[in-house]
N, C-alpha and C. Protein backbone atom coordinates (compact mmCIF):
# COMPACT_ATOMS: atom_id res chain seq x y z
N UNK A 1 13.64 -1.77 9.17
CA UNK A 1 12.42 -1.61 8.09
C UNK A 1 13.15 -1.15 6.74
N UNK A 2 12.20 -1.82 5.78
CA UNK A 2 13.24 -2.04 4.36
C UNK A 2 12.13 -1.19 4.02
N UNK A 3 12.47 -0.01 2.60
CA UNK A 3 11.80 0.81 1.99
C UNK A 3 11.94 0.38 1.02
N UNK A 4 10.87 0.78 -0.31
CA UNK A 4 11.16 0.99 -1.54
C UNK A 4 10.38 1.85 -2.37
N UNK A 5 10.32 2.42 -3.07
CA UNK A 5 9.28 3.56 -4.12
C UNK A 5 9.58 3.27 -5.63
N UNK A 6 10.10 1.68 -6.21
CA UNK A 6 10.48 1.50 -7.12
C UNK A 6 9.97 0.61 -8.02
N UNK A 7 8.87 -0.50 -7.04
CA UNK A 7 8.13 -1.43 -7.09
C UNK A 7 7.23 -1.85 -8.09
N UNK A 8 6.38 -0.76 -8.36
CA UNK A 8 5.46 -0.68 -8.70
C UNK A 8 5.31 0.36 -10.20
N UNK A 9 4.11 -0.14 -11.14
CA UNK A 9 4.12 0.93 -11.97
C UNK A 9 3.25 2.15 -11.49
N UNK A 10 3.30 3.07 -11.53
CA UNK A 10 2.71 4.27 -11.50
C UNK A 10 1.24 4.42 -11.72
N UNK A 11 0.74 3.85 -13.32
CA UNK A 11 -0.60 3.50 -13.92
C UNK A 11 -0.95 2.53 -13.18
N UNK A 12 -0.46 1.05 -12.36
CA UNK A 12 -0.72 0.11 -11.29
C UNK A 12 -1.55 0.80 -10.26
N UNK A 13 -0.37 1.49 -9.38
CA UNK A 13 -0.59 2.14 -8.34
C UNK A 13 -2.11 3.01 -8.42
N UNK A 14 -2.13 3.86 -9.58
CA UNK A 14 -3.17 4.89 -9.41
C UNK A 14 -4.36 3.93 -9.84
N UNK A 15 -4.58 2.50 -10.51
CA UNK A 15 -5.85 1.82 -10.76
C UNK A 15 -5.84 1.00 -9.48
N UNK A 16 -4.61 0.94 -8.13
CA UNK A 16 -5.60 0.40 -6.99
C UNK A 16 -5.96 1.24 -6.50
N UNK A 17 -5.23 3.10 -6.35
CA UNK A 17 -6.08 3.77 -5.45
C UNK A 17 -7.66 4.31 -6.23
N UNK A 18 -7.54 4.09 -7.46
CA UNK A 18 -9.07 4.64 -8.05
C UNK A 18 -10.06 3.17 -7.48
N UNK A 19 -9.95 1.81 -7.40
CA UNK A 19 -10.40 0.75 -6.82
C UNK A 19 -11.22 1.28 -5.68
N UNK A 20 -9.96 1.23 -4.62
CA UNK A 20 -10.44 1.50 -3.46
C UNK A 20 -10.78 2.60 -2.98
N UNK A 21 -10.89 3.25 -3.46
CA UNK A 21 -11.85 4.87 -3.54
C UNK A 21 -12.87 4.31 -3.55
N UNK A 22 -13.40 3.97 -4.80
CA UNK A 22 -14.61 3.35 -5.19
C UNK A 22 -15.42 1.97 -5.13
N UNK A 23 -14.60 2.14 -3.63
CA UNK A 23 -15.35 0.20 -2.72
C UNK A 23 -15.83 0.79 -1.68
N UNK A 24 -16.84 -0.18 -0.98
CA UNK A 24 -17.27 0.47 0.50
C UNK A 24 -15.95 0.45 1.46
N UNK A 25 -16.40 1.12 2.65
CA UNK A 25 -15.69 1.52 3.13
C UNK A 25 -16.48 1.49 4.48
N UNK A 26 -16.18 0.86 5.60
CA UNK A 26 -16.18 0.57 7.04
C UNK A 26 -15.80 1.47 8.31
N UNK A 27 -16.39 1.54 9.16
CA UNK A 27 -15.99 2.71 10.40
C UNK A 27 -16.04 1.62 11.42
N UNK A 28 -14.82 0.12 10.79
CA UNK A 28 -14.99 -0.25 11.92
C UNK A 28 -13.34 -1.21 12.31
N UNK A 29 -12.40 -0.46 12.10
CA UNK A 29 -10.69 -0.06 12.20
C UNK A 29 -10.81 0.11 13.94
N UNK A 30 -10.75 -0.40 14.66
CA UNK A 30 -10.25 -0.12 15.79
C UNK A 30 -8.98 -0.22 16.49
N UNK A 31 -8.05 0.03 16.73
CA UNK A 31 -6.51 -0.34 17.26
C UNK A 31 -6.69 -0.42 18.99
N UNK A 32 -5.88 -0.99 19.20
CA UNK A 32 -5.67 -1.33 20.73
C UNK A 32 -7.14 -1.88 21.69
N UNK A 33 -7.94 -2.47 21.27
CA UNK A 33 -9.18 -3.07 21.71
C UNK A 33 -9.22 -3.69 23.00
N UNK A 34 -9.76 -2.17 23.52
CA UNK A 34 -9.82 -2.64 24.96
C UNK A 34 -11.51 -3.57 26.00
N UNK A 35 -12.11 -3.56 24.89
CA UNK A 35 -13.65 -4.42 25.89
C UNK A 35 -14.01 -5.58 25.02
N UNK A 36 -14.51 -6.42 25.85
CA UNK A 36 -14.76 -7.46 25.49
C UNK A 36 -16.89 -7.86 25.52
N UNK A 37 -17.52 -8.35 24.64
CA UNK A 37 -16.81 -9.51 23.63
C UNK A 37 -16.50 -9.04 22.56
N UNK A 38 -16.69 -7.99 21.90
CA UNK A 38 -16.69 -7.20 20.25
C UNK A 38 -15.60 -6.72 20.34
N UNK A 39 -15.02 -6.15 21.38
CA UNK A 39 -14.27 -5.24 20.78
C UNK A 39 -14.32 -3.50 20.45
N UNK A 40 -15.58 -3.47 21.04
CA UNK A 40 -15.91 -2.17 20.46
C UNK A 40 -15.15 -0.75 21.11
N UNK A 41 -14.42 -1.02 21.69
CA UNK A 41 -13.34 0.43 22.43
C UNK A 41 -12.07 0.12 21.91
N UNK A 42 -11.46 1.40 21.89
CA UNK A 42 -10.27 0.96 21.71
C UNK A 42 -9.58 2.70 21.48
N UNK A 43 -8.41 2.58 20.98
CA UNK A 43 -7.48 3.50 21.06
C UNK A 43 -7.84 4.85 20.05
N UNK A 44 -7.75 4.13 18.75
CA UNK A 44 -8.93 5.01 17.54
C UNK A 44 -9.58 4.52 16.67
N UNK A 45 -10.70 4.69 16.05
CA UNK A 45 -11.46 4.34 14.90
C UNK A 45 -11.04 5.15 13.84
N UNK A 46 -10.79 4.30 12.74
CA UNK A 46 -10.74 4.82 11.03
C UNK A 46 -11.77 4.09 10.18
N UNK A 47 -11.86 4.33 8.65
CA UNK A 47 -12.34 3.64 7.88
C UNK A 47 -11.65 2.64 7.80
N UNK A 48 -12.02 1.03 7.22
CA UNK A 48 -11.59 -0.15 6.46
C UNK A 48 -12.33 -0.57 5.78
N UNK A 49 -11.35 -1.25 4.87
CA UNK A 49 -11.88 -2.04 3.93
C UNK A 49 -11.35 -3.47 3.81
N UNK A 50 -11.52 -4.50 4.45
CA UNK A 50 -10.97 -6.08 4.23
C UNK A 50 -11.22 -6.59 2.96
N UNK A 51 -10.19 -6.85 2.73
CA UNK A 51 -9.87 -7.52 0.92
C UNK A 51 -9.55 -8.77 1.16
N UNK A 52 -9.28 -9.10 2.31
CA UNK A 52 -8.70 -10.34 2.13
C UNK A 52 -8.31 -10.65 3.85
N UNK A 53 -9.17 -11.51 3.95
CA UNK A 53 -8.69 -12.09 5.51
C UNK A 53 -9.42 -12.91 6.02
N UNK A 54 -7.64 -13.93 6.14
CA UNK A 54 -7.76 -15.52 6.51
C UNK A 54 -8.57 -16.03 7.75
N UNK A 55 -9.36 -16.47 7.81
CA UNK A 55 -10.32 -17.26 9.11
C UNK A 55 -9.85 -18.34 9.79
N UNK A 56 -9.55 -19.31 8.96
CA UNK A 56 -8.70 -20.65 9.30
C UNK A 56 -8.23 -21.00 8.35
N UNK A 57 -7.46 -22.52 8.59
CA UNK A 57 -6.62 -22.86 6.93
C UNK A 57 -7.29 -23.18 6.17
N UNK A 58 -8.75 -23.32 6.66
CA UNK A 58 -9.34 -23.33 5.14
C UNK A 58 -10.68 -22.36 4.34
N UNK A 59 -10.75 -21.06 5.27
CA UNK A 59 -11.64 -20.76 4.33
C UNK A 59 -10.98 -18.82 5.25
N UNK A 60 -11.12 -17.75 4.09
CA UNK A 60 -11.12 -16.47 4.36
C UNK A 60 -12.20 -15.78 3.29
N UNK A 61 -12.48 -14.51 3.87
CA UNK A 61 -12.98 -13.83 3.59
C UNK A 61 -12.95 -13.01 2.44
N UNK A 62 -13.22 -12.56 1.24
CA UNK A 62 -12.37 -12.30 0.34
C UNK A 62 -13.28 -10.85 -0.55
N UNK A 63 -12.91 -10.10 -1.34
CA UNK A 63 -14.20 -9.50 -2.00
C UNK A 63 -13.65 -9.29 -3.27
N UNK A 64 -14.10 -8.18 -4.19
CA UNK A 64 -13.38 -8.62 -5.46
C UNK A 64 -12.35 -8.10 -5.90
N UNK A 65 -11.92 -7.26 -5.10
CA UNK A 65 -10.59 -6.87 -5.67
C UNK A 65 -9.51 -8.26 -4.76
N UNK A 66 -9.48 -9.00 -4.49
CA UNK A 66 -9.03 -9.92 -4.20
C UNK A 66 -7.76 -10.44 -4.74
N UNK A 67 -7.98 -10.94 -5.86
CA UNK A 67 -7.06 -11.38 -6.78
C UNK A 67 -6.11 -10.45 -7.10
N UNK A 68 -6.63 -9.41 -7.55
CA UNK A 68 -5.17 -8.26 -7.53
C UNK A 68 -4.12 -8.26 -6.88
N UNK A 69 -4.96 -7.79 -5.49
CA UNK A 69 -3.88 -7.62 -4.02
C UNK A 69 -3.51 -8.86 -4.09
N UNK A 70 -3.27 -10.46 -3.91
CA UNK A 70 -3.11 -11.60 -3.64
C UNK A 70 -1.71 -11.24 -4.32
N UNK A 71 -2.08 -11.19 -5.68
CA UNK A 71 -0.49 -10.56 -7.00
C UNK A 71 -0.19 -10.11 -6.22
N UNK A 72 -0.21 -8.95 -5.79
CA UNK A 72 0.43 -7.85 -5.92
C UNK A 72 1.32 -8.51 -4.35
N UNK A 73 1.00 -9.64 -3.60
CA UNK A 73 1.74 -9.79 -2.14
C UNK A 73 2.38 -10.92 -2.86
N UNK A 74 2.02 -11.95 -3.44
CA UNK A 74 3.13 -12.36 -3.86
C UNK A 74 4.22 -11.87 -4.69
N UNK A 75 4.16 -10.59 -5.44
CA UNK A 75 5.30 -9.44 -5.99
C UNK A 75 6.23 -8.99 -4.87
N UNK A 76 5.72 -8.59 -3.38
CA UNK A 76 6.27 -8.30 -2.74
C UNK A 76 6.99 -8.99 -1.90
N UNK A 77 6.25 -10.23 -1.61
CA UNK A 77 7.09 -11.11 -1.25
C UNK A 77 9.04 -11.58 -1.59
N UNK A 78 8.55 -11.44 -3.48
CA UNK A 78 9.58 -11.81 -4.30
C UNK A 78 10.46 -10.82 -4.03
N UNK A 79 10.14 -9.53 -3.67
CA UNK A 79 11.11 -7.96 -4.23
C UNK A 79 11.65 -8.20 -3.12
N UNK A 80 11.60 -8.53 -1.65
CA UNK A 80 11.75 -8.41 -0.31
C UNK A 80 11.87 -9.51 -0.04
N UNK A 81 12.50 -10.58 -0.73
CA UNK A 81 13.08 -11.56 -0.46
C UNK A 81 12.94 -12.55 0.85
N UNK A 82 11.40 -12.75 1.03
CA UNK A 82 10.39 -13.62 2.32
C UNK A 82 9.78 -14.10 1.69
N UNK A 83 9.77 -15.33 3.07
CA UNK A 83 8.60 -16.30 2.18
C UNK A 83 7.60 -16.31 3.60
N UNK A 84 5.98 -16.13 2.85
CA UNK A 84 4.77 -15.71 4.24
C UNK A 84 3.90 -16.39 3.39
N UNK A 85 3.31 -16.63 4.81
CA UNK A 85 1.87 -17.27 4.34
C UNK A 85 0.57 -16.05 5.03
N UNK A 86 -0.51 -15.76 4.04
CA UNK A 86 -1.01 -14.53 3.78
C UNK A 86 -2.03 -15.14 5.01
N UNK A 87 -1.88 -13.86 5.54
CA UNK A 87 -2.93 -13.67 6.61
C UNK A 87 -4.00 -13.26 6.28
N UNK A 88 -3.92 -11.71 6.15
CA UNK A 88 -5.26 -10.37 6.06
C UNK A 88 -3.85 -9.37 4.98
N UNK A 89 -4.85 -9.08 4.37
CA UNK A 89 -5.03 -7.62 3.13
C UNK A 89 -6.09 -7.05 3.80
N UNK A 90 -5.93 -5.32 3.93
CA UNK A 90 -7.06 -4.52 4.60
C UNK A 90 -6.76 -3.17 4.05
N UNK A 91 -7.22 -2.05 3.52
CA UNK A 91 -7.29 -0.77 3.63
C UNK A 91 -7.60 -0.24 3.99
N UNK A 92 -6.91 0.82 5.16
CA UNK A 92 -7.16 2.10 5.88
C UNK A 92 -7.72 3.40 5.08
N UNK A 93 -8.54 4.03 5.54
CA UNK A 93 -8.78 5.29 5.24
C UNK A 93 -8.64 6.63 6.01
N UNK A 94 -7.83 6.94 6.10
CA UNK A 94 -8.02 8.33 6.89
C UNK A 94 -7.80 9.68 5.68
N UNK A 95 -8.77 10.94 7.09
CA UNK A 95 -9.22 12.19 6.85
C UNK A 95 -8.62 13.27 7.48
N UNK A 96 -7.96 14.35 6.96
CA UNK A 96 -7.19 15.68 8.13
C UNK A 96 -8.23 15.09 9.54
N UNK A 97 -6.98 15.08 10.38
CA UNK A 97 -7.62 15.23 11.93
C UNK A 97 -7.54 13.52 12.16
N UNK A 98 -7.63 12.67 11.56
CA UNK A 98 -8.15 10.87 11.75
C UNK A 98 -6.43 10.64 12.04
N UNK A 99 -5.83 11.24 12.57
CA UNK A 99 -4.34 10.27 12.99
C UNK A 99 -4.69 9.15 13.65
N UNK A 100 -3.88 7.83 13.80
CA UNK A 100 -3.56 6.71 14.00
C UNK A 100 -3.14 6.91 15.79
N UNK A 101 -3.03 5.94 16.62
CA UNK A 101 -2.21 5.55 17.77
C UNK A 101 -1.25 4.60 17.48
N UNK A 102 -0.47 4.51 18.21
CA UNK A 102 0.39 3.74 18.18
C UNK A 102 -0.63 2.05 18.54
N UNK A 103 0.44 1.36 17.62
CA UNK A 103 -0.94 -0.20 17.62
C UNK A 103 0.69 -0.93 17.29
N UNK A 104 0.47 -2.49 17.25
CA UNK A 104 1.22 -3.71 17.00
C UNK A 104 -0.51 -4.01 15.83
N UNK A 105 0.50 -4.93 14.61
CA UNK A 105 -0.45 -5.55 13.76
C UNK A 105 -0.17 -6.97 14.18
N UNK A 106 0.42 -7.81 14.64
CA UNK A 106 0.98 -9.03 15.06
C UNK A 106 1.51 -9.21 16.08
N UNK A 107 2.31 -10.39 16.12
CA UNK A 107 3.60 -10.74 16.95
C UNK A 107 4.61 -10.53 16.13
N UNK A 108 5.49 -11.40 16.52
CA UNK A 108 6.90 -11.44 16.20
C UNK A 108 7.19 -12.23 14.92
N UNK A 109 6.23 -13.01 14.78
CA UNK A 109 6.73 -14.30 13.76
C UNK A 109 5.64 -13.64 12.06
N UNK A 110 5.58 -12.28 12.21
CA UNK A 110 4.72 -12.10 10.95
C UNK A 110 5.28 -10.83 10.95
N UNK A 111 4.83 -10.51 9.51
CA UNK A 111 5.62 -9.50 8.70
C UNK A 111 4.05 -8.49 8.39
N UNK A 112 4.88 -7.00 7.97
CA UNK A 112 3.41 -6.27 7.77
C UNK A 112 4.20 -5.84 6.01
N UNK A 113 3.65 -5.61 5.10
CA UNK A 113 4.25 -4.66 3.85
C UNK A 113 2.96 -3.73 4.37
N UNK A 114 3.26 -2.43 4.00
CA UNK A 114 2.78 -0.79 4.21
C UNK A 114 2.76 -0.68 1.94
N UNK A 115 1.77 -0.42 1.88
CA UNK A 115 1.17 0.56 0.43
C UNK A 115 0.55 1.67 0.88
N UNK A 116 1.60 2.78 0.34
CA UNK A 116 0.71 4.05 0.65
C UNK A 116 0.05 4.95 -0.85
N UNK A 117 -1.01 5.39 -0.32
CA UNK A 117 -1.83 5.52 -1.77
C UNK A 117 -2.28 7.09 -1.62
N UNK A 118 -2.41 8.18 -2.72
CA UNK A 118 -2.65 8.66 -2.55
C UNK A 118 -2.69 9.75 -4.18
N UNK A 119 -3.63 9.54 -4.85
CA UNK A 119 -3.37 10.03 -6.19
C UNK A 119 -4.08 11.52 -6.19
N UNK A 120 -3.82 11.94 -5.45
CA UNK A 120 -4.14 13.60 -4.90
C UNK A 120 -3.36 14.65 -5.34
N UNK A 121 -3.23 15.81 -5.77
CA UNK A 121 -2.84 17.06 -5.44
C UNK A 121 -2.03 17.49 -4.27
N UNK A 122 -1.15 16.84 -3.65
CA UNK A 122 -0.28 16.88 -2.40
C UNK A 122 -0.11 18.50 -2.15
N UNK A 123 -0.43 19.25 -1.16
CA UNK A 123 0.43 20.60 -1.00
C UNK A 123 2.04 19.91 -0.33
N UNK A 124 2.67 21.06 -0.62
CA UNK A 124 4.15 20.74 0.01
C UNK A 124 4.10 20.27 1.69
N UNK A 125 4.94 19.39 2.54
CA UNK A 125 4.76 19.04 3.26
C UNK A 125 3.36 18.46 3.72
N UNK A 126 2.69 17.48 3.45
CA UNK A 126 1.30 17.41 3.40
C UNK A 126 1.27 16.71 4.99
N UNK A 127 2.09 16.21 5.91
CA UNK A 127 2.39 14.81 6.69
C UNK A 127 1.96 13.55 6.37
N UNK A 128 1.10 13.21 6.92
CA UNK A 128 1.00 11.28 6.20
C UNK A 128 1.97 10.56 6.88
N UNK A 129 2.73 10.96 7.45
CA UNK A 129 3.91 9.89 7.34
C UNK A 129 3.27 8.95 8.33
N UNK A 130 4.40 7.73 8.21
CA UNK A 130 4.46 6.40 9.18
C UNK A 130 4.87 6.33 10.20
N UNK A 131 4.66 6.59 11.52
CA UNK A 131 5.67 6.66 12.78
C UNK A 131 5.58 5.04 13.25
N UNK A 132 7.00 4.64 12.96
CA UNK A 132 7.94 3.16 13.87
C UNK A 132 8.46 3.77 14.74
N UNK A 133 7.92 3.54 16.28
CA UNK A 133 7.95 4.03 17.47
C UNK A 133 9.21 2.87 17.77
N UNK A 134 9.28 1.58 17.71
CA UNK A 134 10.28 0.82 18.15
C UNK A 134 11.74 1.10 17.35
N UNK A 135 11.51 1.43 16.07
CA UNK A 135 12.76 1.82 15.13
C UNK A 135 13.05 3.19 15.71
N UNK A 136 12.29 4.37 15.91
CA UNK A 136 12.56 5.31 15.81
C UNK A 136 12.94 6.19 14.25
N UNK A 137 11.46 5.69 13.58
CA UNK A 137 11.89 6.27 12.77
C UNK A 137 10.43 6.64 11.90
N UNK A 138 10.53 7.22 10.83
CA UNK A 138 9.59 8.31 10.33
C UNK A 138 9.45 7.65 8.81
N UNK A 139 8.42 7.31 8.16
CA UNK A 139 8.75 7.46 6.58
C UNK A 139 7.81 8.00 6.59
N UNK A 140 8.09 9.17 5.25
CA UNK A 140 7.49 9.99 4.50
C UNK A 140 6.85 9.38 3.59
N UNK A 141 5.18 10.10 3.63
CA UNK A 141 4.43 9.43 2.34
C UNK A 141 5.14 9.90 0.99
N UNK A 142 4.64 9.00 0.32
CA UNK A 142 4.75 9.09 -1.18
C UNK A 142 3.99 7.89 -1.49
N UNK A 143 3.22 8.49 -2.75
CA UNK A 143 2.10 7.69 -3.40
C UNK A 143 3.12 6.46 -4.56
N UNK A 144 2.80 5.36 -3.63
CA UNK A 144 3.22 3.91 -4.35
C UNK A 144 4.49 3.41 -3.26
N UNK A 145 4.85 4.35 -2.47
CA UNK A 145 5.84 4.01 -1.28
C UNK A 145 5.45 2.50 -0.72
N UNK A 146 6.04 1.35 -0.79
CA UNK A 146 6.22 0.10 0.08
C UNK A 146 7.45 -0.08 0.80
N UNK A 147 7.00 -0.34 1.85
CA UNK A 147 7.61 -0.36 3.34
C UNK A 147 7.29 -1.88 3.83
N UNK A 148 8.19 -2.95 4.65
CA UNK A 148 8.33 -3.74 5.26
C UNK A 148 8.57 -3.61 6.64
N UNK A 149 7.89 -3.87 7.63
CA UNK A 149 8.69 -3.96 9.21
C UNK A 149 7.80 -5.41 9.65
N UNK A 150 7.98 -5.70 10.70
CA UNK A 150 8.22 -6.22 12.18
C UNK A 150 6.44 -5.80 12.64
N UNK A 151 5.12 -7.07 12.27
CA UNK A 151 4.09 -6.52 13.12
C UNK A 151 4.16 -6.39 14.57
N UNK A 152 5.13 -7.01 15.02
CA UNK A 152 5.25 -6.66 16.68
C UNK A 152 5.66 -5.14 17.09
N UNK A 153 5.71 -4.65 16.17
CA UNK A 153 6.46 -3.08 16.24
C UNK A 153 4.99 -2.16 16.70
N UNK A 154 5.98 -1.40 17.17
CA UNK A 154 4.89 -0.19 17.76
C UNK A 154 4.82 0.50 16.74
N UNK A 155 3.66 0.97 15.98
CA UNK A 155 3.24 2.02 15.04
C UNK A 155 2.20 2.67 14.85
N UNK A 156 2.12 3.84 13.70
CA UNK A 156 0.73 4.79 13.75
C UNK A 156 1.32 5.62 12.46
N UNK A 157 0.22 6.10 11.92
CA UNK A 157 0.15 6.92 10.84
C UNK A 157 -0.47 7.93 11.45
N UNK A 158 -0.26 9.21 10.51
CA UNK A 158 -1.15 10.26 10.38
C UNK A 158 -1.80 10.89 9.53
N UNK A 159 -2.60 11.59 9.61
CA UNK A 159 -3.71 11.96 8.21
C UNK A 159 -2.69 12.81 7.77
N UNK A 160 -3.06 13.62 6.58
CA UNK A 160 -2.46 14.56 5.85
C UNK A 160 -3.23 15.63 7.02
N UNK A 161 -2.63 17.06 6.53
CA UNK A 161 -2.84 18.08 7.49
C UNK A 161 -3.67 19.49 6.37
N UNK A 162 -3.91 19.06 5.92
CA UNK A 162 -4.82 19.30 4.46
C UNK A 162 -6.27 18.82 4.62
N UNK A 163 -7.48 19.56 4.68
CA UNK A 163 -9.12 18.85 4.59
C UNK A 163 -9.17 18.05 3.35
N UNK A 164 -9.92 17.13 3.00
CA UNK A 164 -10.84 16.46 2.44
C UNK A 164 -9.55 15.68 1.26
N UNK A 165 -8.82 15.41 1.60
CA UNK A 165 -7.58 14.96 0.68
C UNK A 165 -7.87 13.34 1.79
N UNK A 166 -7.92 12.14 0.86
CA UNK A 166 -8.02 10.94 1.40
C UNK A 166 -6.77 10.42 1.36
N UNK A 167 -6.39 9.93 2.62
CA UNK A 167 -4.75 9.02 2.54
C UNK A 167 -4.77 7.01 3.12
N UNK A 168 -5.08 6.57 1.98
CA UNK A 168 -5.32 5.15 2.08
C UNK A 168 -3.64 4.26 1.82
N UNK A 169 -4.33 3.26 2.84
CA UNK A 169 -2.51 2.35 2.83
C UNK A 169 -3.37 1.15 3.26
N UNK A 170 -2.43 0.16 2.29
CA UNK A 170 -3.12 -1.25 2.23
C UNK A 170 -1.92 -1.94 3.12
N UNK A 171 -2.31 -2.80 3.80
CA UNK A 171 -1.58 -3.75 4.37
C UNK A 171 -1.91 -4.81 4.56
N UNK A 172 -1.03 -5.28 4.60
CA UNK A 172 -0.42 -7.34 3.83
C UNK A 172 0.27 -7.55 5.01
N UNK A 173 -0.74 -8.55 5.54
CA UNK A 173 0.62 -9.15 6.87
C UNK A 173 0.16 -10.94 6.72
N UNK A 174 1.77 -10.95 6.90
CA UNK A 174 1.54 -12.69 6.73
C UNK A 174 2.58 -12.91 7.64
N UNK A 175 2.54 -14.55 8.04
CA UNK A 175 3.13 -15.31 9.08
C UNK A 175 4.18 -15.81 8.14
N UNK A 176 5.61 -15.61 8.63
CA UNK A 176 7.22 -15.61 8.90
C UNK A 176 6.90 -17.88 8.49
N UNK A 177 7.27 -18.22 7.39
CA UNK A 177 7.57 -19.49 7.12
C UNK A 177 8.58 -20.06 7.17
N UNK A 178 8.79 -20.51 8.25
CA UNK A 178 10.55 -21.25 8.42
C UNK A 178 10.78 -22.33 7.16
N UNK A 179 11.75 -22.16 6.35
CA UNK A 179 11.92 -23.22 5.15
C UNK A 179 13.00 -24.18 6.26
C-alpha cells in the first residue's frame, strides 16, 4: 500500500468535498452482495454517488463531476507511476455508526486509489480509519490523504466516532494495463 498526503492542493480538496457534499447520494452501496438477481442483500449499506461507471468498452455512466475526477485520476496515475484503464469512480458517505464490513473492490488485475475527504472540525482521534486486512495495516483519516492498494485485498472503513460529521471517500478503480 502506498500513501501520500501532499499530492493535492488543499483548496482543490476542499472544492471536491463541497462538490460532493452538495451532490445527490443514494442508499445503494451494498458490499458482499448475496442475493440474486438484483444483489439487494449484503453485509453493509452505505450512501453512494457514482461519478463514473464504465459499462462496457464503449459507454459509461457519468455525472457533472466526471471531468474534474477523471483529471484527478490521471494525475494520481502519474504520481503513483501506474498505467490503469479507468473502470469506476464513486464516492461513499458514512456517518457515525456506519462502519463498513470487509470486502474487495475487484480482482488482482485492478488497483484502487482512495481519497479521504472531510473538511469539518474533527475531534482528537476521530476514528474514520481505513483497515486493510490482507496487509494488516490501518490508515488514519486525514483530509486529502490518498492511498493505493490492490482491489483484491480485503478492506473496510470505519465511520467517525462523533455524530453528524460526514466521512467521504472517493474510490478510483482501474485495470492494470500491461505494456
